[in-house]
C-alpha atoms as a PDB file:
ATOM      1  CA  UNK A   1      34.977 113.713 124.533  1.00  0.00           C
ATOM      2  CA  UNK A   2      31.400 115.030 124.382  1.00  0.00           C
ATOM      3  CA  UNK A   3      30.158 112.019 126.351  1.00  0.00           C
ATOM      4  CA  UNK A   4      32.660 112.671 129.119  1.00  0.00           C
ATOM      5  CA  UNK A   5      31.576 116.315 129.228  1.00  0.00           C
ATOM      6  CA  UNK A   6      27.910 115.287 129.440  1.00  0.00           C
ATOM      7  CA  UNK A   7      28.702 112.887 132.264  1.00  0.00           C
ATOM      8  CA  UNK A   8      30.579 115.640 134.101  1.00  0.00           C
ATOM      9  CA  UNK A   9      27.638 117.998 133.726  1.00  0.00           C
ATOM     10  CA  UNK A  10      25.184 115.365 134.933  1.00  0.00           C
ATOM     11  CA  UNK A  11      27.434 114.558 137.888  1.00  0.00           C
ATOM     12  CA  UNK A  12      27.783 118.250 138.722  1.00  0.00           C
ATOM     13  CA  UNK A  13      24.016 118.698 138.497  1.00  0.00           C
ATOM     14  CA  UNK A  14      23.435 115.739 140.791  1.00  0.00           C
ATOM     15  CA  UNK A  15      25.933 117.106 143.299  1.00  0.00           C
ATOM     16  CA  UNK A  16      24.213 120.476 143.224  1.00  0.00           C
ATOM     17  CA  UNK A  17      20.799 118.873 143.781  1.00  0.00           C
ATOM     18  CA  UNK A  18      22.243 116.801 146.616  1.00  0.00           C
ATOM     19  CA  UNK A  19      23.677 119.909 148.284  1.00  0.00           C
ATOM     20  CA  UNK A  20      20.347 121.754 147.889  1.00  0.00           C
ATOM     21  CA  UNK A  21      18.494 118.804 149.402  1.00  0.00           C
ATOM     22  CA  UNK A  22      20.912 118.666 152.349  1.00  0.00           C
ATOM     23  CA  UNK A  23      20.536 122.404 152.833  1.00  0.00           C
ATOM     24  CA  UNK A  24      16.746 122.146 152.883  1.00  0.00           C
ATOM     25  CA  UNK A  25      16.878 119.245 155.332  1.00  0.00           C
ATOM     26  CA  UNK A  26      19.185 121.229 157.603  1.00  0.00           C
ATOM     27  CA  UNK A  27      16.859 124.245 157.514  1.00  0.00           C
ATOM     28  CA  UNK A  28      13.887 122.014 158.232  1.00  0.00           C
ATOM     29  CA  UNK A  29      15.657 120.445 161.218  1.00  0.00           C
ATOM     30  CA  UNK A  30      16.612 123.889 162.559  1.00  0.00           C
ATOM     31  CA  UNK A  31      13.014 125.086 162.218  1.00  0.00           C
ATOM     32  CA  UNK A  32      11.698 122.010 164.030  1.00  0.00           C
ATOM     33  CA  UNK A  33      14.296 122.539 166.748  1.00  0.00           C
ATOM     34  CA  UNK A  34      13.230 126.170 167.220  1.00  0.00           C
ATOM     35  CA  UNK A  35       9.542 125.198 167.354  1.00  0.00           C
ATOM     36  CA  UNK A  36      10.332 122.554 169.949  1.00  0.00           C
ATOM     37  CA  UNK A  37      12.232 125.092 172.046  1.00  0.00           C
ATOM     38  CA  UNK A  38       9.296 127.512 171.842  1.00  0.00           C
ATOM     39  CA  UNK A  39       6.952 124.807 173.085  1.00  0.00           C
ATOM     40  CA  UNK A  40       9.258 123.920 175.960  1.00  0.00           C
ATOM     41  CA  UNK A  41       9.969 127.564 176.851  1.00  0.00           C
ATOM     42  CA  UNK A  42       6.976 129.627 175.655  1.00  0.00           C
ATOM     43  CA  UNK A  43       7.218 133.404 175.695  1.00  0.00           C
ATOM     44  CA  UNK A  44       5.203 134.621 178.704  1.00  0.00           C
ATOM     45  CA  UNK A  45       2.057 136.581 177.837  1.00  0.00           C
ATOM     46  CA  UNK A  46       0.925 139.150 180.373  1.00  0.00           C
ATOM     47  CA  UNK A  47      -2.836 138.672 180.382  1.00  0.00           C
ATOM     48  CA  UNK A  48      -5.356 140.476 182.562  1.00  0.00           C
ATOM     49  CA  UNK A  49      -8.158 138.311 184.031  1.00  0.00           C
ATOM     50  CA  UNK A  50     -11.063 138.390 181.617  1.00  0.00           C
ATOM     51  CA  UNK A  51     -13.722 139.369 184.171  1.00  0.00           C
ATOM     52  CA  UNK A  52     -11.600 142.294 185.361  1.00  0.00           C
ATOM     53  CA  UNK A  53     -11.131 143.360 181.737  1.00  0.00           C
ATOM     54  CA  UNK A  54     -14.891 143.202 181.185  1.00  0.00           C
ATOM     55  CA  UNK A  55     -15.475 145.416 184.223  1.00  0.00           C
ATOM     56  CA  UNK A  56     -12.885 147.976 183.065  1.00  0.00           C
ATOM     57  CA  UNK A  57     -14.335 148.038 179.535  1.00  0.00           C
ATOM     58  CA  UNK A  58     -17.869 148.452 180.878  1.00  0.00           C
ATOM     59  CA  UNK A  59     -16.766 151.256 183.209  1.00  0.00           C
ATOM     60  CA  UNK A  60     -15.039 153.102 180.354  1.00  0.00           C
ATOM     61  CA  UNK A  61     -18.049 152.739 178.059  1.00  0.00           C
ATOM     62  CA  UNK A  62     -20.445 153.904 180.779  1.00  0.00           C
ATOM     63  CA  UNK A  63     -18.243 156.945 181.404  1.00  0.00           C
ATOM     64  CA  UNK A  64     -18.408 157.791 177.699  1.00  0.00           C
ATOM     65  CA  UNK A  65     -22.179 157.357 177.801  1.00  0.00           C
ATOM     66  CA  UNK A  66     -22.534 159.554 180.881  1.00  0.00           C
ATOM     67  CA  UNK A  67     -20.401 162.260 179.270  1.00  0.00           C
ATOM     68  CA  UNK A  68     -22.669 162.242 176.206  1.00  0.00           C
ATOM     69  CA  UNK A  69     -25.899 162.217 178.249  1.00  0.00           C
ATOM     70  CA  UNK A  70     -24.855 164.744 180.923  1.00  0.00           C
ATOM     71  CA  UNK A  71     -26.476 167.753 179.129  1.00  0.00           C
ATOM     72  CA  UNK A  72     -29.725 165.769 178.887  1.00  0.00           C
ATOM     73  CA  UNK A  73     -29.863 165.237 182.668  1.00  0.00           C
ATOM     74  CA  UNK A  74     -28.911 168.835 183.468  1.00  0.00           C
ATOM     75  CA  UNK A  75     -31.645 170.078 181.130  1.00  0.00           C
ATOM     76  CA  UNK A  76     -34.260 168.319 183.289  1.00  0.00           C
ATOM     77  CA  UNK A  77     -33.682 170.684 186.207  1.00  0.00           C
ATOM     78  CA  UNK A  78     -35.674 173.919 185.938  1.00  0.00           C
ATOM     79  CA  UNK A  79     -33.219 175.914 188.011  1.00  0.00           C
ATOM     80  CA  UNK A  80     -29.752 174.524 188.527  1.00  0.00           C
ATOM     81  CA  UNK A  81     -26.406 176.103 189.184  1.00  0.00           C
ATOM     82  CA  UNK A  82     -24.564 172.834 188.526  1.00  0.00           C
ATOM     83  CA  UNK A  83     -21.994 173.213 185.758  1.00  0.00           C
ATOM     84  CA  UNK A  84     -21.574 170.626 183.019  1.00  0.00           C
ATOM     85  CA  UNK A  85     -18.005 169.495 183.767  1.00  0.00           C
ATOM     86  CA  UNK A  86     -18.578 168.831 187.495  1.00  0.00           C
ATOM     87  CA  UNK A  87     -21.704 166.812 186.733  1.00  0.00           C
ATOM     88  CA  UNK A  88     -19.875 164.839 184.033  1.00  0.00           C
ATOM     89  CA  UNK A  89     -17.232 163.865 186.591  1.00  0.00           C
ATOM     90  CA  UNK A  90     -19.838 163.040 189.270  1.00  0.00           C
ATOM     91  CA  UNK A  91     -21.877 160.916 186.842  1.00  0.00           C
ATOM     92  CA  UNK A  92     -18.694 159.139 185.709  1.00  0.00           C
ATOM     93  CA  UNK A  93     -17.785 158.532 189.356  1.00  0.00           C
ATOM     94  CA  UNK A  94     -21.175 156.886 189.946  1.00  0.00           C
ATOM     95  CA  UNK A  95     -20.728 154.722 186.836  1.00  0.00           C
ATOM     96  CA  UNK A  96     -17.232 153.631 187.890  1.00  0.00           C
ATOM     97  CA  UNK A  97     -18.366 152.946 191.455  1.00  0.00           C
ATOM     98  CA  UNK A  98     -21.227 150.829 190.106  1.00  0.00           C
ATOM     99  CA  UNK A  99     -18.960 148.764 187.844  1.00  0.00           C
ATOM    100  CA  UNK A 100     -16.177 148.175 190.376  1.00  0.00           C
ATOM    101  CA  UNK A 101     -18.561 147.115 193.180  1.00  0.00           C
ATOM    102  CA  UNK A 102     -22.024 145.870 192.238  1.00  0.00           C
ATOM    103  CA  UNK A 103     -21.092 145.409 188.596  1.00  0.00           C
ATOM    104  CA  UNK A 104     -18.090 143.221 189.362  1.00  0.00           C
ATOM    105  CA  UNK A 105     -20.224 140.828 191.410  1.00  0.00           C
ATOM    106  CA  UNK A 106     -22.887 140.754 188.695  1.00  0.00           C
ATOM    107  CA  UNK A 107     -20.291 140.093 185.993  1.00  0.00           C
ATOM    108  CA  UNK A 108     -19.047 137.107 187.958  1.00  0.00           C
ATOM    109  CA  UNK A 109     -22.597 135.787 188.534  1.00  0.00           C
ATOM    110  CA  UNK A 110     -23.664 136.235 184.898  1.00  0.00           C
ATOM    111  CA  UNK A 111     -20.431 134.659 183.689  1.00  0.00           C
ATOM    112  CA  UNK A 112     -21.168 131.635 185.875  1.00  0.00           C
ATOM    113  CA  UNK A 113     -24.698 131.395 184.454  1.00  0.00           C
ATOM    114  CA  UNK A 114     -23.478 131.737 180.862  1.00  0.00           C
ATOM    115  CA  UNK A 115     -21.031 128.868 181.395  1.00  0.00           C
ATOM    116  CA  UNK A 116     -24.020 126.557 181.930  1.00  0.00           C
ATOM    117  CA  UNK A 117     -25.183 127.144 178.349  1.00  0.00           C
ATOM    118  CA  UNK A 118     -24.206 124.644 175.661  1.00  0.00           C
ATOM    119  CA  UNK A 119     -20.880 125.506 174.114  1.00  0.00           C
ATOM    120  CA  UNK A 120     -22.394 125.671 170.612  1.00  0.00           C
ATOM    121  CA  UNK A 121     -24.778 128.459 171.728  1.00  0.00           C
ATOM    122  CA  UNK A 122     -22.551 130.180 174.285  1.00  0.00           C
ATOM    123  CA  UNK A 123     -20.663 132.406 171.848  1.00  0.00           C
ATOM    124  CA  UNK A 124     -23.912 133.840 170.461  1.00  0.00           C
ATOM    125  CA  UNK A 125     -26.008 134.078 173.613  1.00  0.00           C
ATOM    126  CA  UNK A 126     -23.400 135.129 176.197  1.00  0.00           C
ATOM    127  CA  UNK A 127     -23.089 138.779 175.005  1.00  0.00           C
ATOM    128  CA  UNK A 128     -26.893 139.105 174.948  1.00  0.00           C
ATOM    129  CA  UNK A 129     -27.178 137.685 178.473  1.00  0.00           C
ATOM    130  CA  UNK A 130     -24.510 140.101 179.702  1.00  0.00           C
ATOM    131  CA  UNK A 131     -26.289 142.945 177.904  1.00  0.00           C
ATOM    132  CA  UNK A 132     -29.592 142.104 179.574  1.00  0.00           C
ATOM    133  CA  UNK A 133     -27.850 141.934 182.947  1.00  0.00           C
ATOM    134  CA  UNK A 134     -26.382 145.383 182.361  1.00  0.00           C
ATOM    135  CA  UNK A 135     -29.769 146.649 181.174  1.00  0.00           C
ATOM    136  CA  UNK A 136     -31.548 145.609 184.380  1.00  0.00           C
ATOM    137  CA  UNK A 137     -28.753 146.438 186.834  1.00  0.00           C
ATOM    138  CA  UNK A 138     -27.829 149.864 185.503  1.00  0.00           C
ATOM    139  CA  UNK A 139     -31.487 150.782 184.966  1.00  0.00           C
ATOM    140  CA  UNK A 140     -32.058 150.166 188.668  1.00  0.00           C
ATOM    141  CA  UNK A 141     -28.943 152.182 189.506  1.00  0.00           C
ATOM    142  CA  UNK A 142     -30.067 154.948 187.171  1.00  0.00           C
ATOM    143  CA  UNK A 143     -33.551 155.151 188.645  1.00  0.00           C
ATOM    144  CA  UNK A 144     -32.621 155.144 192.326  1.00  0.00           C
ATOM    145  CA  UNK A 145     -29.002 156.236 192.839  1.00  0.00           C
ATOM    146  CA  UNK A 146     -28.212 158.808 190.139  1.00  0.00           C
ATOM    147  CA  UNK A 147     -31.428 160.868 190.632  1.00  0.00           C
ATOM    148  CA  UNK A 148     -30.940 160.701 194.415  1.00  0.00           C
ATOM    149  CA  UNK A 149     -27.479 162.254 194.102  1.00  0.00           C
ATOM    150  CA  UNK A 150     -28.739 164.786 191.577  1.00  0.00           C
ATOM    151  CA  UNK A 151     -31.700 165.730 193.806  1.00  0.00           C
ATOM    152  CA  UNK A 152     -29.383 166.201 196.775  1.00  0.00           C
ATOM    153  CA  UNK A 153     -27.399 168.703 194.721  1.00  0.00           C
ATOM    154  CA  UNK A 154     -30.586 170.446 193.610  1.00  0.00           C
ATOM    155  CA  UNK A 155     -31.860 170.642 197.187  1.00  0.00           C
ATOM    156  CA  UNK A 156     -28.724 172.531 198.183  1.00  0.00           C
ATOM    157  CA  UNK A 157     -29.540 175.312 195.734  1.00  0.00           C
ATOM    158  CA  UNK A 158     -33.304 175.324 196.457  1.00  0.00           C
ATOM    159  CA  UNK A 159     -34.235 173.792 193.106  1.00  0.00           C
ATOM    160  CA  UNK A 160     -37.113 171.398 192.525  1.00  0.00           C
ATOM    161  CA  UNK A 161     -36.262 167.666 192.590  1.00  0.00           C
ATOM    162  CA  UNK A 162     -36.773 165.438 189.575  1.00  0.00           C
ATOM    163  CA  UNK A 163     -40.288 164.186 188.948  1.00  0.00           C
ATOM    164  CA  UNK A 164     -41.193 160.509 188.642  1.00  0.00           C
ATOM    165  CA  UNK A 165     -41.326 160.743 184.858  1.00  0.00           C
ATOM    166  CA  UNK A 166     -37.888 162.367 184.787  1.00  0.00           C
ATOM    167  CA  UNK A 167     -36.509 159.635 187.061  1.00  0.00           C
ATOM    168  CA  UNK A 168     -37.974 157.058 184.673  1.00  0.00           C
ATOM    169  CA  UNK A 169     -36.306 158.834 181.753  1.00  0.00           C
ATOM    170  CA  UNK A 170     -32.950 158.744 183.547  1.00  0.00           C
ATOM    171  CA  UNK A 171     -33.481 155.075 184.401  1.00  0.00           C
ATOM    172  CA  UNK A 172     -34.319 154.184 180.786  1.00  0.00           C
ATOM    173  CA  UNK A 173     -31.304 156.118 179.548  1.00  0.00           C
ATOM    174  CA  UNK A 174     -29.093 154.209 181.977  1.00  0.00           C
ATOM    175  CA  UNK A 175     -30.706 150.924 180.910  1.00  0.00           C
ATOM    176  CA  UNK A 176     -29.668 151.514 177.296  1.00  0.00           C
ATOM    177  CA  UNK A 177     -26.153 152.487 178.369  1.00  0.00           C
ATOM    178  CA  UNK A 178     -25.912 149.399 180.576  1.00  0.00           C
ATOM    179  CA  UNK A 179     -26.966 147.062 177.767  1.00  0.00           C
ATOM    180  CA  UNK A 180     -24.520 148.552 175.258  1.00  0.00           C
ATOM    181  CA  UNK A 181     -21.621 148.691 177.737  1.00  0.00           C
ATOM    182  CA  UNK A 182     -21.967 145.124 178.994  1.00  0.00           C
ATOM    183  CA  UNK A 183     -22.725 143.680 175.551  1.00  0.00           C
ATOM    184  CA  UNK A 184     -19.625 145.278 174.017  1.00  0.00           C
ATOM    185  CA  UNK A 185     -17.456 144.494 177.060  1.00  0.00           C
ATOM    186  CA  UNK A 186     -18.238 140.786 176.767  1.00  0.00           C
ATOM    187  CA  UNK A 187     -17.297 140.758 173.074  1.00  0.00           C
ATOM    188  CA  UNK A 188     -14.033 142.721 173.247  1.00  0.00           C
ATOM    189  CA  UNK A 189     -12.734 141.448 176.610  1.00  0.00           C
ATOM    190  CA  UNK A 190     -11.131 138.150 175.410  1.00  0.00           C
ATOM    191  CA  UNK A 191      -8.758 139.927 173.010  1.00  0.00           C
ATOM    192  CA  UNK A 192      -8.422 143.143 174.968  1.00  0.00           C
ATOM    193  CA  UNK A 193      -7.306 141.219 178.077  1.00  0.00           C
ATOM    194  CA  UNK A 194      -4.129 140.150 176.238  1.00  0.00           C
ATOM    195  CA  UNK A 195      -3.002 143.792 175.916  1.00  0.00           C
ATOM    196  CA  UNK A 196      -1.831 144.697 179.396  1.00  0.00           C
ATOM    197  CA  UNK A 197      -0.848 148.331 178.825  1.00  0.00           C
ATOM    198  CA  UNK A 198      -4.126 149.485 177.185  1.00  0.00           C
ATOM    199  CA  UNK A 199      -6.170 147.725 179.896  1.00  0.00           C
ATOM    200  CA  UNK A 200      -4.150 149.417 182.656  1.00  0.00           C
ATOM    201  CA  UNK A 201      -4.396 152.830 180.956  1.00  0.00           C
ATOM    202  CA  UNK A 202      -8.161 152.443 180.521  1.00  0.00           C
ATOM    203  CA  UNK A 203      -8.577 151.467 184.163  1.00  0.00           C
ATOM    204  CA  UNK A 204      -6.464 154.409 185.326  1.00  0.00           C
ATOM    205  CA  UNK A 205      -8.530 156.843 183.234  1.00  0.00           C
ATOM    206  CA  UNK A 206     -11.765 155.582 184.817  1.00  0.00           C
ATOM    207  CA  UNK A 207     -10.257 155.953 188.292  1.00  0.00           C
ATOM    208  CA  UNK A 208      -9.088 159.492 187.496  1.00  0.00           C
ATOM    209  CA  UNK A 209     -12.618 160.409 186.385  1.00  0.00           C
ATOM    210  CA  UNK A 210     -13.984 158.875 189.589  1.00  0.00           C
ATOM    211  CA  UNK A 211     -11.469 160.835 191.682  1.00  0.00           C
ATOM    212  CA  UNK A 212     -12.470 164.062 189.930  1.00  0.00           C
ATOM    213  CA  UNK A 213     -16.100 163.202 190.633  1.00  0.00           C
ATOM    214  CA  UNK A 214     -15.363 162.799 194.336  1.00  0.00           C
ATOM    215  CA  UNK A 215     -13.463 166.092 194.313  1.00  0.00           C
ATOM    216  CA  UNK A 216     -16.291 168.044 192.666  1.00  0.00           C
ATOM    217  CA  UNK A 217     -18.901 166.397 194.856  1.00  0.00           C
ATOM    218  CA  UNK A 218     -17.035 167.353 198.032  1.00  0.00           C
ATOM    219  CA  UNK A 219     -16.505 170.882 196.750  1.00  0.00           C
ATOM    220  CA  UNK A 220     -20.208 171.326 195.886  1.00  0.00           C
ATOM    221  CA  UNK A 221     -21.485 169.969 199.184  1.00  0.00           C
ATOM    222  CA  UNK A 222     -18.918 172.063 201.068  1.00  0.00           C
ATOM    223  CA  UNK A 223     -20.116 175.153 199.226  1.00  0.00           C
ATOM    224  CA  UNK A 224     -23.758 174.264 199.967  1.00  0.00           C
ATOM    225  CA  UNK A 225     -22.994 173.712 203.656  1.00  0.00           C
ATOM    226  CA  UNK A 226     -21.377 177.154 203.981  1.00  0.00           C
ATOM    227  CA  UNK A 227     -23.885 178.995 201.805  1.00  0.00           C
END
């Protein structure tokens, strides 16, 4: 009697193990089927072109830098009636205009040059190369363009233009901002480009700042013309 009970228990245990094994095999087959379907019909990822993302990131970072440094530039003028907020918007406009025109072309050119580097060194050297490109390009922009616009505003209120040393200080300040902005943009762009909404929002914010800069610039020059 006990032997028959033991046999029944063993048989029941074997049946249970068999059912568990079949269940696991079925789950495994279902998982493989789902993975195969994902490979055949992948979920579409809305990705922004990486170069465009780099430009937007650089523009946003330069705007932040110009906002921080705006009091420094205004302090250079001995007699200025230019308010802080209008100059912040004008400086941001110049930064955005630089990135979306000259900067975009330079990003493309530097990206092409960086692709010629060995793949083993590219990940380390590419951000530095982009940073150096931003250093040189925005330093030039900061020495010639930004002081020229600032001097034109000062001339309208009969204030003295910036001296050579002050122009050099503005250029060096812009050089540092350019290096940081382009270095960081190159690093964060690959992942940031996969997030469509934040990229679009960032780009829109830079364009709004640029539009405000145009508005304030027109208002100031209109006031100067009728003064």
